[in-house]
Amino acid sequence: MSTEELYTDGVATLSWVGASLAVESALTRAERLGIKINAAVVDRHGNTLAYLRMSGAFLHSEGLAVDKAYTSASFGFATREWMGKIGDDERLRIGITSRPRLVVLGGGVPIIAGGICMGGIGVSGGTEEQDEVCANAALEALGLLPIVTSTE
């Protein structure tokens, strides 16, 4: 598969081919880990481009996967980073976490190429660490570097 097939022309946007490859790669990694997940890719505007659910994956994880992708695309950083950014700011903790679709659990990573956030990948169904491993597998399939996060 060529790079041209993964991305659309003009404005840096992930194509349906790239989005499909990303979710398939996340599910393939989940199979190797022995877990059942939901995986979603959204574009830079938060619109779902691709979604796959493994048979037996938790039903509630569907919405979480899509919202993790949405959160990482809208802010340009991994969802796991939210609590560190909130820190001890109680107003921010209460305010930001009450926003619809904002997820502070690990498993959402932005799709950044050439310094431009083109969307996000969200995975849900395993532990936060397992979800991130699967999301990073999706980035790797797109030829992008995985997001390095701390598990502290």
Protein backbone atom coordinates (compact mmCIF):
# COMPACT_ATOMS: atom_id res chain seq x y z
CA MET A 1 0.00 0.00 0.00
CA SER A 2 1.43 3.39 -0.95
CA THR A 3 1.44 6.53 1.16
CA GLU A 4 -0.81 8.18 -1.43
CA GLU A 5 -3.50 5.60 -0.66
CA LEU A 6 -3.39 6.38 3.06
CA TYR A 7 -3.94 10.16 2.85
CA THR A 8 -6.15 12.38 0.70
CA ASP A 9 -4.88 15.21 -1.50
CA GLY A 10 -5.04 18.88 -0.54
CA VAL A 11 -5.74 19.54 3.11
CA ALA A 12 -3.97 17.01 5.33
CA THR A 13 -6.78 14.56 5.97
CA LEU A 14 -6.77 10.87 6.67
CA SER A 15 -8.49 8.89 3.91
CA TRP A 16 -10.96 6.08 4.44
CA VAL A 17 -8.19 3.67 3.41
CA GLY A 18 -5.91 4.96 6.18
CA ALA A 19 -8.72 4.97 8.73
CA SER A 20 -9.65 1.39 7.85
CA LEU A 21 -6.03 0.25 8.09
CA ALA A 22 -5.72 1.92 11.49
CA VAL A 23 -8.72 0.20 13.09
CA GLU A 24 -7.83 -3.16 11.56
CA SER A 25 -4.29 -2.84 12.92
CA ALA A 26 -5.61 -2.04 16.39
CA LEU A 27 -7.85 -5.12 16.34
CA THR A 28 -5.00 -7.31 15.09
CA ARG A 29 -2.87 -6.19 18.04
CA ALA A 30 -5.78 -6.85 20.41
CA GLU A 31 -6.04 -10.42 19.10
CA ARG A 32 -2.34 -10.93 19.88
CA LEU A 33 -2.93 -9.55 23.39
CA GLY A 34 -5.94 -11.84 23.87
CA ILE A 35 -8.41 -9.01 24.47
CA LYS A 36 -11.63 -7.84 22.79
CA ILE A 37 -11.80 -4.18 21.83
CA ASN A 38 -13.68 -1.50 19.98
CA ALA A 39 -11.57 0.81 17.80
CA ALA A 40 -12.52 4.09 16.13
CA VAL A 41 -10.84 6.70 13.96
CA VAL A 42 -12.17 10.23 13.63
CA ASP A 43 -11.05 13.00 11.32
CA ARG A 44 -9.75 16.40 12.44
CA HIS A 45 -13.35 17.57 12.91
CA GLY A 46 -14.33 14.63 15.11
CA ASN A 47 -16.37 12.82 12.46
CA THR A 48 -16.08 9.04 12.59
CA LEU A 49 -14.18 7.66 9.59
CA ALA A 50 -13.87 4.03 10.67
CA TYR A 51 -15.10 1.85 13.50
CA LEU A 52 -14.74 -1.85 14.24
CA ARG A 53 -15.94 -3.92 17.19
CA MET A 54 -14.58 -7.35 17.96
CA SER A 55 -17.19 -10.01 18.73
CA GLY A 56 -17.47 -10.22 22.49
CA ALA A 57 -16.10 -6.72 23.17
CA PHE A 58 -17.88 -4.73 25.87
CA LEU A 59 -20.88 -2.87 24.45
CA HIS A 60 -20.22 0.28 26.51
CA SER A 61 -16.73 0.45 25.08
CA GLU A 62 -18.13 1.47 21.69
CA GLY A 63 -18.96 4.98 22.84
CA LEU A 64 -15.73 5.22 24.80
CA ALA A 65 -13.62 4.30 21.76
CA VAL A 66 -15.29 6.93 19.59
CA ASP A 67 -15.07 9.56 22.33
CA LYS A 68 -11.40 8.78 23.04
CA ALA A 69 -10.67 9.33 19.35
CA TYR A 70 -12.72 12.56 19.41
CA THR A 71 -10.96 13.84 22.55
CA SER A 72 -7.46 13.16 21.24
CA ALA A 73 -8.25 14.70 17.85
CA SER A 74 -9.80 17.82 19.36
CA PHE A 75 -6.92 18.54 21.74
CA GLY A 76 -3.98 17.01 19.86
CA PHE A 77 -2.64 14.91 22.72
CA ALA A 78 -3.23 11.44 24.19
CA THR A 79 -6.26 11.07 26.44
CA ARG A 80 -4.09 9.60 29.21
CA GLU A 81 -2.37 13.01 29.54
CA TRP A 82 -5.51 14.79 30.75
CA MET A 83 -5.16 14.15 34.47
CA GLY A 84 -1.58 15.43 34.42
CA LYS A 85 -2.72 18.58 32.64
CA ILE A 86 -5.54 19.09 35.15
CA GLY A 87 -3.21 18.61 38.11
CA ASP A 88 -4.57 20.04 41.35
CA ASP A 89 -6.90 22.53 39.66
CA GLU A 90 -10.23 21.49 41.21
CA ARG A 91 -12.33 23.78 39.00
CA LEU A 92 -10.74 22.37 35.88
CA ARG A 93 -11.15 18.80 37.20
CA ILE A 94 -14.87 19.35 37.77
CA GLY A 95 -15.48 21.46 34.68
CA ILE A 96 -13.55 19.66 31.97
CA THR A 97 -14.46 16.15 33.02
CA SER A 98 -18.16 17.00 32.95
CA ARG A 99 -18.00 17.91 29.27
CA PRO A 100 -19.82 15.48 26.98
CA ARG A 101 -17.52 13.28 24.89
CA LEU A 102 -14.34 14.29 26.77
CA VAL A 103 -12.57 11.15 28.01
CA VAL A 104 -9.60 11.23 30.41
CA LEU A 105 -8.90 7.47 30.25
CA GLY A 106 -5.94 6.16 28.26
CA GLY A 107 -6.52 4.67 24.83
CA GLY A 108 -7.03 7.77 22.68
CA VAL A 109 -4.15 9.11 20.59
CA PRO A 110 -3.99 11.89 18.01
CA ILE A 111 -2.99 11.19 14.42
CA ILE A 112 -0.26 13.75 13.81
CA ALA A 113 1.66 13.86 10.52
CA GLY A 114 3.92 16.68 9.47
CA GLY A 115 3.01 18.58 12.62
CA ILE A 116 -0.69 18.60 11.71
CA CYS A 117 -3.33 16.79 13.76
CA MET A 118 -5.41 14.93 11.18
CA GLY A 119 -7.65 13.08 13.60
CA GLY A 120 -7.59 10.60 16.43
CA ILE A 121 -7.66 6.91 17.22
CA GLY A 122 -9.64 5.57 20.15
CA VAL A 123 -9.52 2.07 21.59
CA SER A 124 -11.57 0.68 24.46
CA GLY A 125 -12.08 -2.75 25.94
CA GLY A 126 -8.79 -3.62 27.66
CA THR A 127 -6.86 -1.90 30.39
CA GLU A 128 -5.71 1.64 29.66
CA GLU A 129 -2.25 0.29 28.86
CA GLN A 130 -3.62 -2.40 26.51
CA ASP A 131 -5.86 0.15 24.79
CA GLU A 132 -2.85 2.40 24.22
CA VAL A 133 -0.77 -0.46 22.84
CA CYS A 134 -3.54 -1.15 20.31
CA ALA A 135 -3.92 2.56 19.44
CA ASN A 136 -0.17 2.81 18.93
CA ALA A 137 -0.29 -0.23 16.62
CA ALA A 138 -2.73 1.79 14.51
CA LEU A 139 -0.29 4.72 14.38
CA GLU A 140 2.54 2.40 13.40
CA ALA A 141 0.43 0.95 10.57
CA LEU A 142 0.02 4.51 9.25
CA GLY A 143 3.79 4.96 9.32
CA LEU A 144 3.64 7.31 12.30
CA LEU A 145 5.54 7.14 15.56
CA PRO A 146 3.67 5.74 18.54
CA ILE A 147 2.69 8.08 21.35
CA VAL A 148 4.91 7.49 24.36
CA THR A 149 3.04 7.79 27.61
CA SER A 150 3.99 7.24 31.20
CA THR A 151 2.12 4.65 33.22
CA GLU A 152 2.89 6.41 36.51
